[in-house]
Amino acid sequence: MPEFEDGKDDGALRTIGEVSDALGIKPHVLRYWEQQFSLLKPLKRSGGRRYYRASDVALVERIDRLVNEEGYTLKGAEAVLRASAKSEHDRRRGGDRRAGDRRAASDQPASNARAPESTRKLADTLEGLKKIRARLANALEA
């Protein structure tokens, strides 16, 4: 979590200017990311004023890392965020069920049964792409 020097609690709502200053991301970039990333939805109050929750700020940090440090495209970063949000949702749903609500693994929808394998495949693909990027960087430096 970035350091905000405004005296507010950590969970306080932040304006787009406060988030911009704390993370070093221009406000117009934050507004653009709101259009590109469906998971990024800060509160909007009268006059269209944006207020970022702590979870929104954490998401902006993750988007920034994926795009600017790890080299993802916006669509690629969106796919990573959606996959992690889906797996987090699946973990919560599975942990929240009561004993009487549990279904056998064979009763689970096919998409949930394949999720771990597809997640592994995505991770393997991403690892391969990172290795290729490193080789390309080395070749360009030579």
N, C-alpha and C. Protein backbone atom coordinates (compact mmCIF):
# COMPACT_ATOMS: atom_id res chain seq x y z
N MET A 1 0.86 -1.18 0.00
CA MET A 1 0.00 0.00 0.00
C MET A 1 0.90 1.23 0.00
N PRO A 2 0.60 2.19 -0.83
CA PRO A 2 1.43 3.39 -0.89
C PRO A 2 1.26 4.23 0.38
N GLU A 3 2.23 5.08 0.59
CA GLU A 3 2.17 5.98 1.74
C GLU A 3 1.41 7.25 1.37
N PHE A 4 0.29 7.46 2.02
CA PHE A 4 -0.46 8.69 1.85
C PHE A 4 -0.10 9.59 3.03
N GLU A 5 0.24 10.81 2.76
CA GLU A 5 0.66 11.73 3.81
C GLU A 5 -0.42 12.77 4.08
N ASP A 6 -1.65 12.30 4.21
CA ASP A 6 -2.76 13.23 4.42
C ASP A 6 -3.43 13.07 5.78
N GLY A 7 -2.90 12.18 6.60
CA GLY A 7 -3.44 11.99 7.93
C GLY A 7 -4.72 11.16 7.99
N LYS A 8 -5.20 10.67 6.85
CA LYS A 8 -6.42 9.85 6.84
C LYS A 8 -6.08 8.42 7.25
N ASP A 9 -7.09 7.69 7.70
CA ASP A 9 -6.92 6.27 7.99
C ASP A 9 -6.56 5.52 6.72
N ASP A 10 -5.95 4.34 6.88
CA ASP A 10 -5.55 3.55 5.72
C ASP A 10 -6.74 3.16 4.84
N GLY A 11 -7.90 2.93 5.44
CA GLY A 11 -9.07 2.52 4.68
C GLY A 11 -9.91 3.67 4.15
N ALA A 12 -9.44 4.89 4.30
CA ALA A 12 -10.22 6.06 3.88
C ALA A 12 -10.32 6.14 2.36
N LEU A 13 -11.38 6.79 1.90
CA LEU A 13 -11.54 7.02 0.47
C LEU A 13 -10.53 8.07 0.02
N ARG A 14 -10.00 7.90 -1.18
CA ARG A 14 -8.99 8.81 -1.73
C ARG A 14 -9.49 9.39 -3.05
N THR A 15 -9.16 10.64 -3.29
CA THR A 15 -9.51 11.25 -4.58
C THR A 15 -8.53 10.78 -5.63
N ILE A 16 -8.87 11.02 -6.88
CA ILE A 16 -7.99 10.62 -7.97
C ILE A 16 -6.65 11.36 -7.88
N GLY A 17 -6.68 12.60 -7.40
CA GLY A 17 -5.45 13.36 -7.23
C GLY A 17 -4.54 12.76 -6.17
N GLU A 18 -5.15 12.32 -5.06
CA GLU A 18 -4.36 11.69 -3.99
C GLU A 18 -3.73 10.39 -4.46
N VAL A 19 -4.50 9.59 -5.19
CA VAL A 19 -3.98 8.33 -5.71
C VAL A 19 -2.89 8.60 -6.73
N SER A 20 -3.12 9.56 -7.59
CA SER A 20 -2.15 9.94 -8.61
C SER A 20 -0.82 10.35 -7.98
N ASP A 21 -0.88 11.21 -6.98
CA ASP A 21 0.34 11.67 -6.31
C ASP A 21 1.05 10.53 -5.59
N ALA A 22 0.30 9.69 -4.89
CA ALA A 22 0.92 8.62 -4.11
C ALA A 22 1.58 7.57 -4.98
N LEU A 23 0.97 7.27 -6.13
CA LEU A 23 1.48 6.20 -6.99
C LEU A 23 2.32 6.70 -8.16
N GLY A 24 2.32 8.01 -8.38
CA GLY A 24 3.08 8.55 -9.51
C GLY A 24 2.47 8.21 -10.85
N ILE A 25 1.16 8.11 -10.89
CA ILE A 25 0.43 7.81 -12.12
C ILE A 25 -0.47 9.00 -12.42
N LYS A 26 -0.39 9.52 -13.63
CA LYS A 26 -1.18 10.70 -14.00
C LYS A 26 -2.67 10.41 -13.91
N PRO A 27 -3.47 11.40 -13.51
CA PRO A 27 -4.92 11.19 -13.41
C PRO A 27 -5.57 10.73 -14.72
N HIS A 28 -5.09 11.24 -15.86
CA HIS A 28 -5.71 10.82 -17.13
C HIS A 28 -5.44 9.34 -17.39
N VAL A 29 -4.32 8.82 -16.91
CA VAL A 29 -4.02 7.39 -17.06
C VAL A 29 -4.98 6.58 -16.18
N LEU A 30 -5.20 7.05 -14.97
CA LEU A 30 -6.14 6.35 -14.08
C LEU A 30 -7.55 6.32 -14.69
N ARG A 31 -7.98 7.44 -15.27
CA ARG A 31 -9.31 7.47 -15.90
C ARG A 31 -9.37 6.52 -17.10
N TYR A 32 -8.28 6.45 -17.87
CA TYR A 32 -8.22 5.54 -19.01
C TYR A 32 -8.28 4.09 -18.53
N TRP A 33 -7.53 3.79 -17.48
CA TRP A 33 -7.55 2.42 -16.95
C TRP A 33 -8.93 2.03 -16.47
N GLU A 34 -9.70 2.97 -15.94
CA GLU A 34 -11.07 2.67 -15.53
C GLU A 34 -11.89 2.18 -16.72
N GLN A 35 -11.62 2.73 -17.89
CA GLN A 35 -12.34 2.31 -19.10
C GLN A 35 -11.86 0.94 -19.58
N GLN A 36 -10.58 0.66 -19.41
CA GLN A 36 -9.98 -0.56 -19.94
C GLN A 36 -10.10 -1.76 -19.01
N PHE A 37 -10.19 -1.53 -17.71
CA PHE A 37 -10.23 -2.61 -16.74
C PHE A 37 -11.59 -2.60 -16.04
N SER A 38 -12.39 -3.58 -16.37
CA SER A 38 -13.75 -3.62 -15.82
C SER A 38 -13.76 -3.84 -14.30
N LEU A 39 -12.69 -4.37 -13.74
CA LEU A 39 -12.63 -4.59 -12.30
C LEU A 39 -12.35 -3.30 -11.53
N LEU A 40 -11.83 -2.29 -12.21
CA LEU A 40 -11.49 -1.03 -11.56
C LEU A 40 -12.70 -0.09 -11.63
N LYS A 41 -13.40 0.02 -10.50
CA LYS A 41 -14.61 0.84 -10.45
C LYS A 41 -14.63 1.66 -9.17
N PRO A 42 -13.92 2.80 -9.16
CA PRO A 42 -13.99 3.64 -7.96
C PRO A 42 -15.39 4.21 -7.80
N LEU A 43 -15.70 4.61 -6.58
CA LEU A 43 -17.00 5.23 -6.33
C LEU A 43 -17.06 6.56 -7.08
N LYS A 44 -18.21 6.88 -7.62
CA LYS A 44 -18.39 8.18 -8.26
C LYS A 44 -19.53 8.89 -7.56
N ARG A 45 -19.26 10.09 -7.12
CA ARG A 45 -20.25 10.87 -6.40
C ARG A 45 -20.74 12.01 -7.29
N SER A 46 -21.49 12.90 -6.71
CA SER A 46 -22.07 14.00 -7.48
C SER A 46 -20.99 14.74 -8.26
N GLY A 47 -21.33 15.12 -9.44
CA GLY A 47 -20.39 15.82 -10.30
C GLY A 47 -19.35 14.90 -10.92
N GLY A 48 -19.51 13.58 -10.76
CA GLY A 48 -18.58 12.64 -11.35
C GLY A 48 -17.27 12.52 -10.59
N ARG A 49 -17.20 13.04 -9.39
CA ARG A 49 -15.97 12.99 -8.59
C ARG A 49 -15.69 11.55 -8.17
N ARG A 50 -14.44 11.12 -8.38
CA ARG A 50 -14.06 9.75 -8.10
C ARG A 50 -13.46 9.62 -6.70
N TYR A 51 -13.83 8.52 -6.03
CA TYR A 51 -13.24 8.20 -4.73
C TYR A 51 -12.77 6.75 -4.78
N TYR A 52 -11.48 6.57 -4.55
CA TYR A 52 -10.88 5.24 -4.60
C TYR A 52 -10.86 4.63 -3.21
N ARG A 53 -11.38 3.40 -3.11
CA ARG A 53 -11.29 2.62 -1.88
C ARG A 53 -9.89 2.01 -1.79
N ALA A 54 -9.54 1.48 -0.64
CA ALA A 54 -8.23 0.84 -0.47
C ALA A 54 -8.07 -0.31 -1.48
N SER A 55 -9.14 -1.05 -1.75
CA SER A 55 -9.07 -2.15 -2.72
C SER A 55 -8.84 -1.62 -4.14
N ASP A 56 -9.40 -0.46 -4.45
CA ASP A 56 -9.18 0.16 -5.77
C ASP A 56 -7.71 0.57 -5.91
N VAL A 57 -7.15 1.14 -4.83
CA VAL A 57 -5.75 1.57 -4.86
C VAL A 57 -4.84 0.36 -5.05
N ALA A 58 -5.14 -0.74 -4.35
CA ALA A 58 -4.35 -1.96 -4.50
C ALA A 58 -4.45 -2.49 -5.92
N LEU A 59 -5.63 -2.41 -6.52
CA LEU A 59 -5.81 -2.87 -7.90
C LEU A 59 -5.02 -1.98 -8.87
N VAL A 60 -5.03 -0.68 -8.65
CA VAL A 60 -4.26 0.24 -9.51
C VAL A 60 -2.77 -0.10 -9.40
N GLU A 61 -2.30 -0.38 -8.19
CA GLU A 61 -0.89 -0.77 -8.01
C GLU A 61 -0.58 -2.04 -8.79
N ARG A 62 -1.49 -3.00 -8.74
CA ARG A 62 -1.27 -4.27 -9.46
C ARG A 62 -1.28 -4.05 -10.97
N ILE A 63 -2.21 -3.24 -11.45
CA ILE A 63 -2.25 -2.93 -12.88
C ILE A 63 -0.95 -2.26 -13.30
N ASP A 64 -0.50 -1.30 -12.52
CA ASP A 64 0.75 -0.59 -12.83
C ASP A 64 1.92 -1.57 -12.89
N ARG A 65 1.98 -2.49 -11.93
CA ARG A 65 3.07 -3.47 -11.94
C ARG A 65 3.00 -4.37 -13.17
N LEU A 66 1.81 -4.88 -13.47
CA LEU A 66 1.65 -5.78 -14.62
C LEU A 66 2.03 -5.09 -15.93
N VAL A 67 1.55 -3.85 -16.10
CA VAL A 67 1.75 -3.14 -17.37
C VAL A 67 3.15 -2.55 -17.48
N ASN A 68 3.59 -1.86 -16.44
CA ASN A 68 4.83 -1.10 -16.55
C ASN A 68 6.08 -1.82 -16.07
N GLU A 69 5.93 -2.86 -15.25
CA GLU A 69 7.11 -3.60 -14.80
C GLU A 69 7.21 -4.96 -15.46
N GLU A 70 6.09 -5.65 -15.60
CA GLU A 70 6.12 -7.00 -16.15
C GLU A 70 5.87 -7.03 -17.65
N GLY A 71 5.50 -5.90 -18.24
CA GLY A 71 5.38 -5.80 -19.69
C GLY A 71 4.12 -6.35 -20.31
N TYR A 72 3.06 -6.51 -19.54
CA TYR A 72 1.80 -6.98 -20.10
C TYR A 72 1.14 -5.88 -20.93
N THR A 73 0.40 -6.30 -21.93
CA THR A 73 -0.48 -5.36 -22.62
C THR A 73 -1.67 -5.11 -21.70
N LEU A 74 -2.48 -4.12 -22.02
CA LEU A 74 -3.66 -3.86 -21.19
C LEU A 74 -4.60 -5.06 -21.21
N LYS A 75 -4.80 -5.66 -22.39
CA LYS A 75 -5.67 -6.83 -22.48
C LYS A 75 -5.10 -8.01 -21.72
N GLY A 76 -3.79 -8.20 -21.79
CA GLY A 76 -3.14 -9.28 -21.06
C GLY A 76 -3.26 -9.09 -19.56
N ALA A 77 -3.06 -7.86 -19.10
CA ALA A 77 -3.19 -7.56 -17.68
C ALA A 77 -4.63 -7.79 -17.22
N GLU A 78 -5.59 -7.40 -18.04
CA GLU A 78 -7.00 -7.62 -17.71
C GLU A 78 -7.28 -9.12 -17.56
N ALA A 79 -6.71 -9.93 -18.46
CA ALA A 79 -6.91 -11.38 -18.39
C ALA A 79 -6.32 -11.95 -17.11
N VAL A 80 -5.14 -11.50 -16.72
CA VAL A 80 -4.51 -11.97 -15.49
C VAL A 80 -5.37 -11.59 -14.28
N LEU A 81 -5.84 -10.35 -14.26
CA LEU A 81 -6.66 -9.88 -13.13
C LEU A 81 -7.97 -10.65 -13.05
N ARG A 82 -8.59 -10.89 -14.19
CA ARG A 82 -9.85 -11.64 -14.20
C ARG A 82 -9.64 -13.07 -13.71
N ALA A 83 -8.54 -13.70 -14.17
CA ALA A 83 -8.26 -15.08 -13.75
C ALA A 83 -8.01 -15.15 -12.25
N SER A 84 -7.28 -14.19 -11.70
CA SER A 84 -7.02 -14.23 -10.27
C SER A 84 -8.28 -13.89 -9.48
N ALA A 85 -9.11 -12.99 -9.99
CA ALA A 85 -10.37 -12.67 -9.31
C ALA A 85 -11.29 -13.87 -9.32
N LYS A 86 -11.33 -14.60 -10.43
CA LYS A 86 -12.18 -15.79 -10.53
C LYS A 86 -11.70 -16.87 -9.58
N SER A 87 -10.39 -17.10 -9.52
CA SER A 87 -9.89 -18.13 -8.63
C SER A 87 -10.11 -17.74 -7.17
N GLU A 88 -9.98 -16.46 -6.84
CA GLU A 88 -10.25 -15.99 -5.49
C GLU A 88 -11.72 -16.19 -5.15
N HIS A 89 -12.60 -15.88 -6.09
CA HIS A 89 -14.04 -16.07 -5.90
C HIS A 89 -14.35 -17.55 -5.68
N ASP A 90 -13.74 -18.41 -6.49
CA ASP A 90 -13.97 -19.85 -6.35
C ASP A 90 -13.51 -20.36 -4.99
N ARG A 91 -12.34 -19.85 -4.52
CA ARG A 91 -11.84 -20.27 -3.21
C ARG A 91 -12.80 -19.84 -2.11
N ARG A 92 -13.29 -18.60 -2.19
CA ARG A 92 -14.22 -18.11 -1.17
C ARG A 92 -15.51 -18.90 -1.18
N ARG A 93 -16.04 -19.16 -2.38
CA ARG A 93 -17.30 -19.90 -2.48
C ARG A 93 -17.16 -21.29 -1.89
N GLY A 94 -16.08 -21.94 -2.19
CA GLY A 94 -15.85 -23.29 -1.67
C GLY A 94 -15.71 -23.30 -0.17
N GLY A 95 -15.06 -22.27 0.40
CA GLY A 95 -14.86 -22.21 1.84
C GLY A 95 -16.08 -21.77 2.60
N ASP A 96 -17.03 -21.12 1.94
CA ASP A 96 -18.20 -20.59 2.63
C ASP A 96 -19.37 -21.56 2.65
N ARG A 97 -19.29 -22.63 1.91
CA ARG A 97 -20.42 -23.55 1.84
C ARG A 97 -20.64 -24.27 3.15
N ARG A 98 -21.86 -24.53 3.47
CA ARG A 98 -22.20 -25.32 4.64
C ARG A 98 -22.10 -26.80 4.24
N ALA A 99 -21.98 -27.66 5.21
CA ALA A 99 -21.79 -29.09 4.91
C ALA A 99 -22.93 -29.62 4.05
N GLY A 100 -24.15 -29.18 4.28
CA GLY A 100 -25.28 -29.67 3.51
C GLY A 100 -25.31 -29.15 2.09
N ASP A 101 -24.57 -28.06 1.80
CA ASP A 101 -24.59 -27.46 0.48
C ASP A 101 -23.47 -28.00 -0.42
N ARG A 102 -22.58 -28.77 0.15
CA ARG A 102 -21.43 -29.22 -0.64
C ARG A 102 -21.88 -30.21 -1.70
N ARG A 103 -21.28 -30.04 -2.88
CA ARG A 103 -21.57 -30.97 -3.97
C ARG A 103 -20.35 -31.82 -4.22
N ALA A 104 -20.54 -33.00 -4.69
CA ALA A 104 -19.42 -33.87 -5.04
C ALA A 104 -18.67 -33.25 -6.21
N ALA A 105 -17.41 -33.60 -6.35
CA ALA A 105 -16.58 -33.05 -7.44
C ALA A 105 -17.21 -33.34 -8.80
N SER A 106 -17.85 -34.50 -8.94
CA SER A 106 -18.46 -34.83 -10.22
C SER A 106 -19.66 -33.95 -10.51
N ASP A 107 -20.26 -33.34 -9.47
CA ASP A 107 -21.40 -32.45 -9.66
C ASP A 107 -20.99 -31.03 -10.02
N GLN A 108 -19.69 -30.71 -9.88
CA GLN A 108 -19.21 -29.37 -10.17
C GLN A 108 -19.31 -29.11 -11.66
N PRO A 109 -19.60 -27.86 -12.05
CA PRO A 109 -19.59 -27.53 -13.46
C PRO A 109 -18.22 -27.79 -14.06
N ALA A 110 -18.19 -28.15 -15.34
CA ALA A 110 -16.93 -28.49 -15.99
C ALA A 110 -15.95 -27.33 -15.96
N SER A 111 -16.42 -26.08 -16.07
CA SER A 111 -15.51 -24.94 -16.08
C SER A 111 -14.75 -24.83 -14.76
N ASN A 112 -15.39 -25.12 -13.62
CA ASN A 112 -14.70 -25.06 -12.34
C ASN A 112 -13.71 -26.21 -12.21
N ALA A 113 -14.05 -27.36 -12.76
CA ALA A 113 -13.15 -28.50 -12.68
C ALA A 113 -11.88 -28.24 -13.48
N ARG A 114 -11.96 -27.48 -14.56
CA ARG A 114 -10.80 -27.20 -15.41
C ARG A 114 -10.00 -25.99 -14.94
N ALA A 115 -10.53 -25.21 -14.04
CA ALA A 115 -9.87 -23.96 -13.66
C ALA A 115 -8.43 -24.15 -13.20
N PRO A 116 -8.11 -25.10 -12.31
CA PRO A 116 -6.71 -25.22 -11.89
C PRO A 116 -5.79 -25.57 -13.05
N GLU A 117 -6.21 -26.45 -13.96
CA GLU A 117 -5.38 -26.81 -15.10
C GLU A 117 -5.17 -25.60 -16.01
N SER A 118 -6.22 -24.84 -16.29
CA SER A 118 -6.06 -23.67 -17.15
C SER A 118 -5.19 -22.62 -16.48
N THR A 119 -5.29 -22.51 -15.17
CA THR A 119 -4.45 -21.56 -14.45
C THR A 119 -2.99 -21.99 -14.54
N ARG A 120 -2.73 -23.29 -14.41
CA ARG A 120 -1.35 -23.79 -14.55
C ARG A 120 -0.84 -23.54 -15.96
N LYS A 121 -1.68 -23.78 -16.96
CA LYS A 121 -1.25 -23.55 -18.35
C LYS A 121 -0.92 -22.08 -18.57
N LEU A 122 -1.75 -21.19 -18.02
CA LEU A 122 -1.51 -19.77 -18.15
C LEU A 122 -0.19 -19.39 -17.47
N ALA A 123 0.05 -19.94 -16.29
CA ALA A 123 1.30 -19.65 -15.58
C ALA A 123 2.50 -20.16 -16.37
N ASP A 124 2.39 -21.36 -16.95
CA ASP A 124 3.49 -21.91 -17.77
C ASP A 124 3.74 -21.04 -18.99
N THR A 125 2.67 -20.60 -19.64
CA THR A 125 2.80 -19.74 -20.82
C THR A 125 3.46 -18.43 -20.45
N LEU A 126 3.03 -17.85 -19.35
CA LEU A 126 3.61 -16.58 -18.91
C LEU A 126 5.09 -16.74 -18.58
N GLU A 127 5.45 -17.84 -17.94
CA GLU A 127 6.86 -18.09 -17.62
C GLU A 127 7.68 -18.22 -18.89
N GLY A 128 7.13 -18.92 -19.88
CA GLY A 128 7.83 -19.04 -21.17
C GLY A 128 8.00 -17.69 -21.85
N LEU A 129 6.99 -16.85 -21.79
CA LEU A 129 7.07 -15.53 -22.39
C LEU A 129 8.09 -14.65 -21.68
N LYS A 130 8.18 -14.79 -20.37
CA LYS A 130 9.18 -14.02 -19.62
C LYS A 130 10.59 -14.44 -20.02
N LYS A 131 10.80 -15.74 -20.23
CA LYS A 131 12.11 -16.23 -20.66
C LYS A 131 12.46 -15.70 -22.05
N ILE A 132 11.46 -15.68 -22.94
CA ILE A 132 11.68 -15.15 -24.28
C ILE A 132 12.02 -13.66 -24.21
N ARG A 133 11.30 -12.91 -23.36
CA ARG A 133 11.56 -11.49 -23.21
C ARG A 133 12.99 -11.26 -22.71
N ALA A 134 13.43 -12.08 -21.76
CA ALA A 134 14.79 -11.94 -21.24
C ALA A 134 15.83 -12.22 -22.32
N ARG A 135 15.58 -13.26 -23.14
CA ARG A 135 16.51 -13.57 -24.24
C ARG A 135 16.56 -12.44 -25.25
N LEU A 136 15.39 -11.87 -25.56
CA LEU A 136 15.36 -10.74 -26.50
C LEU A 136 16.12 -9.54 -25.95
N ALA A 137 15.93 -9.27 -24.66
CA ALA A 137 16.64 -8.14 -24.04
C ALA A 137 18.14 -8.36 -24.09
N ASN A 138 18.58 -9.59 -23.83
CA ASN A 138 20.01 -9.91 -23.90
C ASN A 138 20.54 -9.75 -25.31
N ALA A 139 19.74 -10.20 -26.29
CA ALA A 139 20.18 -10.08 -27.68
C ALA A 139 20.27 -8.63 -28.12
N LEU A 140 19.35 -7.80 -27.65
CA LEU A 140 19.38 -6.38 -28.02
C LEU A 140 20.55 -5.65 -27.36
N GLU A 141 20.94 -6.10 -26.17
CA GLU A 141 22.07 -5.48 -25.48
C GLU A 141 23.39 -5.85 -26.11
N ALA A 142 23.44 -7.01 -26.75
CA ALA A 142 24.71 -7.49 -27.33
C ALA A 142 25.10 -6.73 -28.57
